Protein backbone atom coordinates (compact mmCIF):
# COMPACT_ATOMS: atom_id res chain seq x y z
CA MET A 1 151.47 84.21 186.39
CA THR A 2 154.95 83.93 185.48
CA ILE A 3 156.56 80.41 184.51
CA GLU A 4 158.65 81.43 187.82
CA MET A 5 155.53 81.20 189.72
CA TRP A 6 153.98 78.22 188.08
CA LEU A 7 157.32 76.64 189.04
CA THR A 8 156.82 77.54 192.91
CA LEU A 9 153.69 76.18 193.09
CA ALA A 10 154.53 72.99 191.62
CA LYS A 11 157.73 73.02 193.96
CA LEU A 12 155.01 73.43 196.54
CA GLY A 13 153.07 70.53 195.52
CA LEU A 14 156.07 68.24 195.86
CA VAL A 15 156.73 69.48 199.39
CA LEU A 16 153.32 67.04 200.10
CA ILE A 17 154.81 64.01 198.65
CA PRO A 18 155.25 62.74 202.10
CA PHE A 19 151.25 63.15 202.83
CA ALA A 20 150.50 61.52 199.08
CA LEU A 21 152.89 58.36 200.31
CA VAL A 22 151.22 58.04 203.71
CA PRO A 23 148.62 55.51 202.04
CA VAL A 24 151.28 53.62 200.08
CA MET A 25 153.37 53.59 203.10
CA ILE A 26 150.43 52.02 205.33
CA LEU A 27 150.03 49.47 202.47
CA LEU A 28 153.62 48.79 202.35
CA GLU A 29 153.65 48.38 206.29
CA ARG A 30 150.75 45.97 206.36
CA ARG A 31 151.48 44.05 202.86
CA GLY A 32 155.20 43.74 203.86
CA ALA A 33 154.86 42.76 207.36
CA ALA A 34 152.13 39.76 205.89
CA PHE A 35 154.78 39.08 203.61
CA ILE A 36 157.60 38.46 205.94
CA GLN A 37 155.29 36.81 208.18
CA ASP A 38 153.74 34.20 205.86
CA ARG A 39 149.97 35.27 206.09
CA PRO A 40 147.32 37.41 203.99
CA GLY A 41 147.28 40.33 205.25
CA PRO A 42 144.86 43.34 204.85
CA SER A 43 141.89 41.66 202.15
CA ARG A 44 138.19 41.88 203.77
CA ALA A 45 137.25 45.38 203.09
CA ALA A 46 136.03 45.99 199.62
CA ILE A 47 134.25 48.35 197.47
CA PRO A 48 130.90 46.28 195.88
CA LEU A 49 130.34 47.53 192.03
CA PRO A 50 127.79 46.05 189.54
CA GLY A 51 128.17 42.77 188.18
CA GLY A 52 129.41 41.19 191.58
CA LEU A 53 132.60 42.79 191.30
CA ARG A 54 134.25 43.70 194.54
CA ILE A 55 137.58 45.89 194.44
CA ARG A 56 139.81 45.17 197.56
CA GLY A 57 142.59 47.12 195.90
CA PHE A 58 145.24 44.71 197.70
CA GLY A 59 144.34 46.09 200.98
CA MET A 60 144.26 49.89 199.70
CA VAL A 61 140.67 49.74 200.53
CA HIS A 62 141.15 48.02 203.92
CA ASN A 63 143.66 51.11 204.72
CA PHE A 64 140.77 53.60 203.59
CA THR A 65 138.40 52.46 205.36
CA ASP A 66 140.75 52.48 208.96
CA GLY A 67 141.57 56.38 208.22
CA VAL A 68 137.92 57.09 207.84
CA LYS A 69 137.09 55.49 211.00
CA LEU A 70 139.71 57.41 212.82
CA PHE A 71 139.04 60.49 211.43
CA PHE A 72 135.11 60.66 212.06
CA LYS A 73 135.17 58.57 215.50
CA GLU A 74 134.31 59.95 218.69
CA SER A 75 137.57 62.09 220.13
CA LEU A 76 137.82 61.50 223.58
CA VAL A 77 139.66 63.36 226.14
CA PRO A 78 140.95 61.88 229.59
CA SER A 79 139.49 63.88 232.26
CA PHE A 80 142.87 64.09 233.95
CA ALA A 81 144.80 65.63 231.03
CA TYR A 82 145.88 68.88 230.49
CA LYS A 83 143.74 69.48 227.73
CA PRO A 84 145.44 72.56 225.67
CA PHE A 85 148.69 70.70 225.25
CA TYR A 86 147.02 67.55 225.17
CA ILE A 87 145.11 68.78 221.82
CA LEU A 88 148.09 70.53 220.71
CA ALA A 89 150.75 67.77 220.79
CA PRO A 90 149.46 65.51 217.83
CA ALA A 91 149.89 68.44 215.45
CA ILE A 92 153.43 69.30 216.31
CA PRO A 93 154.84 65.90 214.32
CA VAL A 94 152.43 66.76 211.39
CA VAL A 95 153.53 70.62 210.92
CA THR A 96 157.47 69.54 210.94
CA ALA A 97 156.29 66.60 208.43
CA VAL A 98 155.21 69.68 206.30
CA LEU A 99 158.14 72.21 206.59
CA THR A 100 160.96 69.65 206.44
CA PRO A 101 160.54 68.50 202.38
CA ALA A 102 160.66 71.95 201.79
CA LEU A 103 164.58 71.67 202.00
CA ILE A 104 165.12 68.86 200.08
CA PRO A 105 165.89 69.04 196.23
CA TRP A 106 163.66 67.28 194.16
CA PHE A 107 165.35 67.96 190.67
CA GLY A 108 168.20 69.80 188.93
CA PRO A 109 168.14 73.59 188.50
CA ILE A 110 166.06 74.85 185.70
CA THR A 111 167.37 78.06 183.64
CA LEU A 112 164.59 80.13 182.31
CA ASP A 113 164.55 82.74 179.57
CA GLY A 114 166.79 85.95 180.79
CA GLY A 115 169.32 83.42 183.04
CA VAL A 116 167.17 83.07 185.97
CA ARG A 117 167.68 79.82 187.69
CA VAL A 118 165.11 77.88 189.73
CA VAL A 119 166.62 75.04 191.92
CA GLY A 120 164.46 72.05 193.12
CA GLN A 121 163.89 73.04 196.75
CA PHE A 122 160.96 74.93 197.81
CA LEU A 123 163.16 76.89 200.60
CA ASP A 124 166.82 77.37 198.96
CA ALA A 125 169.47 77.91 201.92
CA ASN A 126 173.08 77.48 202.09
CA SER A 127 172.61 75.35 205.55
CA GLY A 128 169.80 73.56 203.90
CA ILE A 129 170.88 70.23 206.16
CA LEU A 130 171.03 72.57 209.21
CA ALA A 131 167.72 73.59 209.06
CA LEU A 132 166.24 70.42 208.10
CA PHE A 133 167.76 68.76 211.00
CA ALA A 134 166.77 71.54 213.31
CA LEU A 135 162.79 71.33 212.04
CA SER A 136 163.31 67.36 211.97
CA SER A 137 164.30 67.53 215.55
CA LEU A 138 161.01 69.14 216.89
CA SER A 139 158.95 66.45 216.48
CA VAL A 140 159.70 64.63 219.43
CA TYR A 141 158.24 67.89 220.85
CA GLY A 142 155.26 66.45 220.36
CA VAL A 143 155.83 63.13 221.65
CA VAL A 144 157.16 64.54 224.79
CA LEU A 145 154.43 67.08 225.52
CA GLY A 146 151.36 64.81 224.33
CA SER A 147 152.98 62.10 226.63
CA TRP A 148 153.22 64.36 229.75
CA ALA A 149 149.66 66.28 229.02
CA SER A 150 148.26 62.96 229.23
CA ASN A 151 149.19 62.63 233.05
CA SER A 152 149.73 58.83 232.76
CA LYS A 153 152.76 56.85 234.03
CA TYR A 154 152.94 55.01 230.75
CA SER A 155 152.61 57.65 228.48
CA LEU A 156 155.36 60.05 230.38
CA LEU A 157 157.88 57.10 230.55
CA GLY A 158 157.26 56.44 226.49
CA GLY A 159 157.94 60.49 226.10
CA MET A 160 160.92 60.40 228.48
CA ARG A 161 162.31 57.38 226.49
CA ALA A 162 161.86 59.50 222.82
CA SER A 163 163.38 62.56 224.13
CA ALA A 164 166.46 60.54 225.27
CA MET A 165 166.79 58.71 222.24
CA MET A 166 166.45 62.10 220.26
CA ILE A 167 169.65 63.66 222.49
CA SER A 168 171.49 60.38 222.22
CA TYR A 169 171.19 59.54 218.50
CA GLU A 170 170.93 63.17 217.14
CA VAL A 171 174.70 63.18 218.08
CA SER A 172 175.74 60.36 216.10
CA MET A 173 173.47 61.23 213.18
CA GLY A 174 175.08 64.62 212.54
CA LEU A 175 178.68 63.55 213.31
CA GLY A 176 177.89 60.55 210.84
CA ALA A 177 176.95 63.38 207.97
CA LEU A 178 179.23 65.71 208.81
CA GLY A 179 182.23 63.44 207.27
CA LEU A 180 180.12 64.00 203.89
CA PHE A 181 179.58 67.51 204.35
CA LEU A 182 183.65 67.77 205.02
CA LEU A 183 184.30 66.15 201.29
CA VAL A 184 181.52 68.52 199.79
CA GLY A 185 182.74 71.53 201.38
CA SER A 186 178.95 72.83 201.79
CA PHE A 187 176.10 72.46 204.03
CA SER A 188 173.72 73.04 200.83
CA LEU A 189 171.83 69.77 199.69
CA THR A 190 171.84 71.03 196.23
CA ALA A 191 175.64 71.01 196.32
CA VAL A 192 175.87 67.59 198.17
CA VAL A 193 173.82 66.31 195.11
CA GLU A 194 176.12 67.95 192.58
CA TRP A 195 179.24 66.70 194.25
CA GLN A 196 178.06 63.26 194.20
CA ALA A 197 176.97 63.28 190.48
CA ALA A 198 180.19 64.47 189.95
CA HIS A 199 182.41 62.08 191.95
CA ALA A 200 180.43 59.24 193.50
CA TRP A 201 177.57 58.59 195.78
CA GLY A 202 177.96 59.27 199.26
CA ILE A 203 177.23 55.61 200.40
CA LEU A 204 180.57 54.67 198.37
CA VAL A 205 182.98 57.56 199.59
CA GLN A 206 181.48 57.36 203.26
CA PRO A 207 179.87 54.15 204.19
CA VAL A 208 180.34 54.29 207.88
CA GLY A 209 178.90 57.43 207.43
CA PHE A 210 175.76 55.89 205.98
CA PHE A 211 175.68 52.97 208.41
CA LEU A 212 175.52 55.61 211.25
CA PHE A 213 172.76 58.21 209.61
CA VAL A 214 170.46 55.14 208.73
CA THR A 215 170.95 53.71 212.24
CA SER A 216 170.38 56.84 213.96
CA MET A 217 167.07 57.62 211.52
CA PHE A 218 165.77 54.30 212.57
CA ALA A 219 165.86 55.60 216.16
CA GLU A 220 164.59 59.44 215.42
CA CYS A 221 161.54 58.10 213.77
CA ASN A 222 161.00 55.69 216.73
CA ARG A 223 161.16 52.50 214.47
CA SER A 224 161.85 48.71 215.44
CA PRO A 225 164.30 47.95 217.07
CA PHE A 226 164.52 51.23 218.59
CA ASP A 227 160.39 51.71 219.23
CA VAL A 228 160.42 51.75 222.96
CA ALA A 229 158.87 54.79 223.39
CA GLU A 230 155.76 52.89 222.34
CA GLY A 231 157.01 49.30 223.64
CA GLU A 232 153.70 47.38 224.13
CA SER A 233 155.21 44.81 226.06
CA GLU A 234 156.30 47.34 229.08
CA LEU A 235 154.37 50.60 228.28
CA VAL A 236 151.03 49.21 226.92
CA ALA A 237 150.93 51.77 223.96
CA GLY A 238 153.78 54.23 225.50
CA PHE A 239 153.34 57.97 224.53
CA HIS A 240 150.08 57.50 222.89
CA THR A 241 148.29 55.34 225.52
CA GLU A 242 145.48 57.94 226.20
CA TYR A 243 145.10 58.73 222.61
CA SER A 244 142.12 57.84 220.15
CA ALA A 245 140.58 59.01 217.01
CA ILE A 246 141.91 61.72 214.79
CA LYS A 247 144.60 62.63 217.31
CA PHE A 248 145.88 59.30 217.30
CA ALA A 249 145.52 59.19 213.32
CA LEU A 250 147.65 62.58 213.52
CA TYR A 251 150.39 60.73 215.44
CA PHE A 252 150.72 58.07 213.25
CA MET A 253 150.70 60.04 210.14
CA GLY A 254 153.61 62.17 211.39
CA GLU A 255 155.52 59.12 211.84
CA TYR A 256 154.82 57.67 208.50
CA CYS A 257 155.80 61.15 207.43
CA HIS A 258 159.02 61.23 208.89
CA ILE A 259 159.64 57.82 207.67
CA VAL A 260 159.30 59.02 203.65
CA ILE A 261 161.49 62.07 204.41
CA ALA A 262 163.99 60.29 206.60
CA SER A 263 164.05 58.01 203.30
CA ALA A 264 164.43 60.93 200.95
CA LEU A 265 167.14 62.55 203.05
CA ILE A 266 169.05 59.27 202.89
CA ALA A 267 168.58 58.96 199.32
CA THR A 268 169.71 62.76 198.75
CA LEU A 269 173.01 62.41 201.12
CA TYR A 270 174.09 58.98 200.35
CA LEU A 271 172.18 57.81 197.17
CA GLY A 272 173.07 60.73 194.78
CA GLY A 273 169.60 62.17 195.25
CA TYR A 274 168.26 63.10 191.39
CA SER A 275 171.67 61.70 190.29
CA PRO A 276 170.95 58.24 188.41
CA PHE A 277 174.48 56.60 188.58
CA PRO A 278 176.71 55.85 191.33
CA PHE A 279 179.72 57.67 189.96
CA ASP A 280 180.93 59.46 186.74
CA LEU A 281 180.67 56.75 183.90
CA HIS A 282 182.79 59.02 181.54
CA ALA A 283 185.69 58.42 183.58
CA PHE A 284 185.49 54.88 182.77
CA SER A 285 184.15 54.86 179.47
CA ILE A 286 186.03 53.41 176.45
CA HIS A 287 186.89 55.53 173.53
CA THR A 288 186.43 54.50 169.96
CA GLU A 289 187.01 56.37 166.53
CA THR A 290 183.29 57.42 166.44
CA GLY A 291 183.36 58.64 170.36
CA SER A 292 182.66 56.92 173.64
CA TYR A 293 180.33 54.14 174.59
CA PHE A 294 178.93 56.28 177.28
CA ASP A 295 178.31 59.80 174.95
CA TRP A 296 174.41 59.34 175.79
CA LEU A 297 174.80 59.51 179.30
CA PRO A 298 174.53 63.14 180.67
CA LYS A 299 178.12 64.61 181.64
CA ALA A 300 176.47 66.85 184.44
CA PRO A 301 173.64 65.07 185.95
CA TYR A 302 173.10 68.08 188.27
CA ASP A 303 172.81 70.67 185.50
CA ALA A 304 169.46 72.31 184.55
CA ALA A 305 169.63 70.52 181.07
CA PHE A 306 170.26 66.89 182.78
CA ILE A 307 169.41 63.75 180.70
CA ALA A 308 167.98 66.30 178.12
CA ARG A 309 170.60 65.82 175.43
CA ASN A 310 168.72 62.30 174.89
CA LEU A 311 165.50 62.98 176.58
CA GLY A 312 163.96 60.44 174.34
CA THR A 313 166.19 57.91 175.11
CA TRP A 314 165.57 58.28 178.98
CA ILE A 315 161.34 58.57 178.78
CA GLY A 316 161.60 55.39 176.54
CA ILE A 317 164.02 53.92 179.47
CA PHE A 318 161.05 54.88 181.95
CA ALA A 319 158.03 53.69 179.97
CA ALA A 320 159.47 50.66 179.11
CA GLY A 321 160.48 49.87 182.86
CA THR A 322 156.92 51.05 183.88
CA ALA A 323 155.59 48.48 181.48
CA ILE A 324 157.63 45.87 182.79
CA LEU A 325 156.45 46.19 186.48
CA LEU A 326 152.80 46.54 184.88
CA LEU A 327 153.20 43.24 183.00
CA GLY A 328 155.11 41.40 185.60
CA ALA A 329 152.27 42.54 188.26
CA ALA A 330 149.68 41.26 185.74
CA ALA A 331 151.53 38.01 185.74
CA ILE A 332 151.75 37.58 189.38
CA VAL A 333 147.98 38.50 190.04
CA GLY A 334 147.24 35.91 187.19
CA ALA A 335 149.46 33.56 189.28
CA HIS A 336 147.41 34.28 192.52
CA LYS A 337 144.31 33.63 190.77
CA LYS A 338 144.93 30.43 189.90
CA ARG A 339 146.60 29.36 193.32
CA TYR A 340 143.54 30.89 195.22
CA ALA A 341 141.24 28.89 192.68
CA SER A 342 142.68 25.81 194.09
CA PHE A 343 141.70 26.59 197.48
CA LYS A 344 137.91 26.45 196.71
CA ALA A 345 136.91 29.21 199.06
CA SER A 346 133.36 30.20 199.29
CA ASP A 347 134.25 33.78 197.69
CA GLN A 348 136.25 32.18 194.98
CA LYS A 349 134.02 33.81 192.23
CA ALA A 350 133.97 37.28 193.44
CA ARG A 351 137.77 36.93 194.01
CA ALA A 352 138.24 35.65 190.25
CA LYS A 353 136.47 38.64 188.78
CA GLU A 354 138.44 41.22 191.06
CA TYR A 355 141.66 39.26 190.04
CA GLY A 356 140.61 39.09 186.28
CA PHE A 357 139.80 43.18 186.38
CA PHE A 358 143.21 43.85 187.67
CA ILE A 359 145.01 41.70 185.27
CA ALA A 360 143.17 43.63 182.58
CA VAL A 361 143.86 46.74 183.87
CA PHE A 362 147.74 46.24 184.37
CA ALA A 363 148.21 44.33 180.81
CA ILE A 364 146.44 47.31 179.12
CA ILE A 365 148.30 50.15 180.83
CA GLY A 366 151.66 48.15 180.36
CA LEU A 367 150.67 47.84 176.43
CA LEU A 368 150.02 51.59 176.24
CA ALA A 369 153.59 52.27 178.27
CA ILE A 370 155.38 49.92 175.61
CA VAL A 371 153.76 52.19 172.54
CA GLY A 372 155.14 55.23 174.70
CA ALA A 373 158.26 53.70 174.99
CA VAL A 374 158.78 53.13 171.28
CA GLY A 375 157.27 56.30 170.63
CA ALA A 376 159.89 58.13 173.14
CA PHE A 377 162.82 56.67 171.83
CA THR A 378 161.95 57.24 167.93
CA GLN A 379 160.35 60.54 167.97
CA ILE A 380 161.66 62.88 170.53
CA ASP A 381 164.82 64.88 169.56
CA PRO A 382 165.45 67.56 171.99
CA ALA A 383 168.57 68.30 170.31
CA SER A 384 167.52 69.53 167.34
CA GLU A 385 165.66 72.47 169.18
CA ALA A 386 168.73 73.18 171.67
CA THR A 387 170.28 76.75 171.45
CA ARG A 388 173.70 78.12 172.46
CA VAL A 389 173.84 81.32 174.34
CA ASP A 390 177.35 82.28 175.54
CA GLY A 391 178.91 79.36 174.65
CA VAL A 392 176.35 76.99 177.22
CA VAL A 393 173.79 75.04 175.59
CA ARG A 394 170.23 75.83 176.45
CA TYR A 395 167.02 73.68 176.05
CA PRO A 396 163.43 74.35 175.40
CA LEU A 397 161.51 74.90 178.54
CA TRP A 398 159.54 71.53 177.97
CA VAL A 399 162.80 69.60 177.68
CA GLN A 400 163.54 70.88 181.24
CA LEU A 401 160.30 70.19 182.67
CA ALA A 402 160.34 66.78 181.45
CA THR A 403 164.10 66.29 182.76
CA ALA A 404 162.86 67.47 186.10
CA ALA A 405 159.70 65.00 186.14
CA ILE A 406 162.37 62.26 185.37
CA GLN A 407 164.53 63.74 188.46
CA VAL A 408 161.52 63.60 190.55
CA GLY A 409 160.81 59.95 189.62
CA ILE A 410 164.36 58.89 190.55
CA VAL A 411 164.08 60.74 193.75
CA LEU A 412 161.20 58.95 194.57
CA ALA A 413 162.15 55.41 193.38
CA LYS A 414 165.07 55.74 195.96
CA THR A 415 163.24 57.24 198.62
CA LEU A 416 160.42 53.93 198.33
CA PHE A 417 163.26 51.90 198.54
CA PHE A 418 164.04 53.02 201.88
CA CYS A 419 160.58 53.08 202.99
CA TRP A 420 160.49 49.10 202.38
CA VAL A 421 163.64 48.58 204.23
CA PHE A 422 162.18 50.37 207.47
CA VAL A 423 159.50 48.17 206.83
CA TRP A 424 161.82 44.90 206.41
CA VAL A 425 163.71 45.90 209.59
CA ARG A 426 160.68 46.41 211.66
CA TRP A 427 159.52 42.80 211.08
CA THR A 428 163.11 41.37 211.16
CA VAL A 429 164.72 42.77 214.07
CA PRO A 430 163.65 42.40 217.66
CA ARG A 431 163.21 45.15 219.93
CA MET A 432 166.01 46.20 222.01
CA ARG A 433 166.08 46.99 225.58
CA TYR A 434 166.13 50.54 227.00
CA ASP A 435 169.66 50.21 228.38
CA GLN A 436 171.03 48.50 225.06
CA ILE A 437 169.73 51.33 223.00
CA MET A 438 171.67 54.31 225.21
CA ALA A 439 174.59 52.19 225.28
CA LEU A 440 174.98 51.53 221.69
CA GLY A 441 174.42 55.25 221.10
CA TRP A 442 176.81 56.45 223.73
CA LYS A 443 179.49 53.74 223.83
CA VAL A 444 179.33 52.62 220.45
CA LEU A 445 177.92 54.93 217.75
CA LEU A 446 179.29 58.31 219.07
CA ASN A 447 182.71 56.43 218.85
CA VAL A 448 182.72 55.42 215.45
CA ALA A 449 181.08 58.44 214.37
CA LEU A 450 184.20 60.47 216.05
CA VAL A 451 186.55 58.12 214.44
CA ASN A 452 185.06 58.19 211.03
CA LEU A 453 184.78 62.25 211.20
CA LEU A 454 188.68 62.11 212.07
CA VAL A 455 189.80 59.73 209.22
CA THR A 456 187.69 61.72 207.00
CA ALA A 457 189.09 65.37 207.59
CA ILE A 458 192.74 63.50 207.69
CA VAL A 459 192.20 61.72 204.36
CA ALA A 460 190.24 65.17 202.97
CA LYS A 461 193.49 67.10 203.70
CA LEU A 462 195.99 64.93 202.27
CA VAL A 463 194.01 64.89 199.06
CA GLY A 464 193.02 68.36 199.11
CA VAL A 465 189.02 67.94 198.29
CA GLY A 466 186.31 69.83 200.02
CA LYS A 467 187.87 72.90 198.39
């Protein structure tokens, strides 16, 4: 197999990132809700090990047991349901969750020997955002089809609400993002990231568009305060009232996948994607006799050699950041261990052993990360292996692959931040009434989006951007 084929397989693995983050998202949801509501959260299910050690994984084992229960539980089909569509509907959101990440650029282009250029998207399309919007909008068909096939009035009302919200908020979402594409001059997501790296993040040049897009994404994902499609206070459980077992799990797996995809898309459009800086720092650099204070920064973050000029510095930064997070986690667990000991609970000894185990694991890995950071700072020097071809600096393949790995980490960090925002808003903002949601979408957001697009078009024409 050629290097290009291996990179294609690697990109196929990146497409599955939303599914890999579903357990993390569930844990974030439950522990985040518990933190906001000042309660323990999932803490009972555990894996027993020799020596009286019980591993709870801070609630992850609880989530694992819930998954096992749902996937192996008896799957009931109501006698009054239309069975073909009833069974098919939960798979639609999952299928769309597989297709949409293929259009997101996870890393910058890599140049192979012979000048072959490999982009960070599995499906490279000039109209990538249009295809992504088209695919993501298909997920609502699973909700509507399942609600209709359930032959239940509660489910049908929930499906109708979901379809109405999709129609209402996709208009504002598209118009809100259109201002950014007007400035960029392209619908390609890679081009959008390149433009942000050369100018400024989308949130800085299109703050109104960012607000419109994020608000619309909450509605598209059926998240609070727009979760009226499953409003328990009026519709029992909404569109999935008649679903159970694995079909119920597929619906919520699709929902969490779409939250991850929405977060990755927001990070790509408005937080620079794999570009780490909100603007070109070289434009504000202070020049001295020996050069600029920002010479260690990449001048073209979207280039295939992004970060490559000082790869050791960047790997060291990531390793040092990892060490700080792990050692901080060890300190937090240690403090919680002392606090729990003061409660004199019946499982105090078991908890003390588990906390001690995680403190040791976090501390050891954190110390190893510090060693790796020191080694990266002092040993890795890719500049010595760089070559110049046709006036362009080319770096070895391993340097470009390491650069791509760092870029993927940057995208994931931004994605997880917005995943937390989704959780934060759900357990902070109360649910809106259905009529309030419709009024907000058609009477407020749509008008704001049109005005924002008009102002953006005038400014773009005056300053000559987007050419």
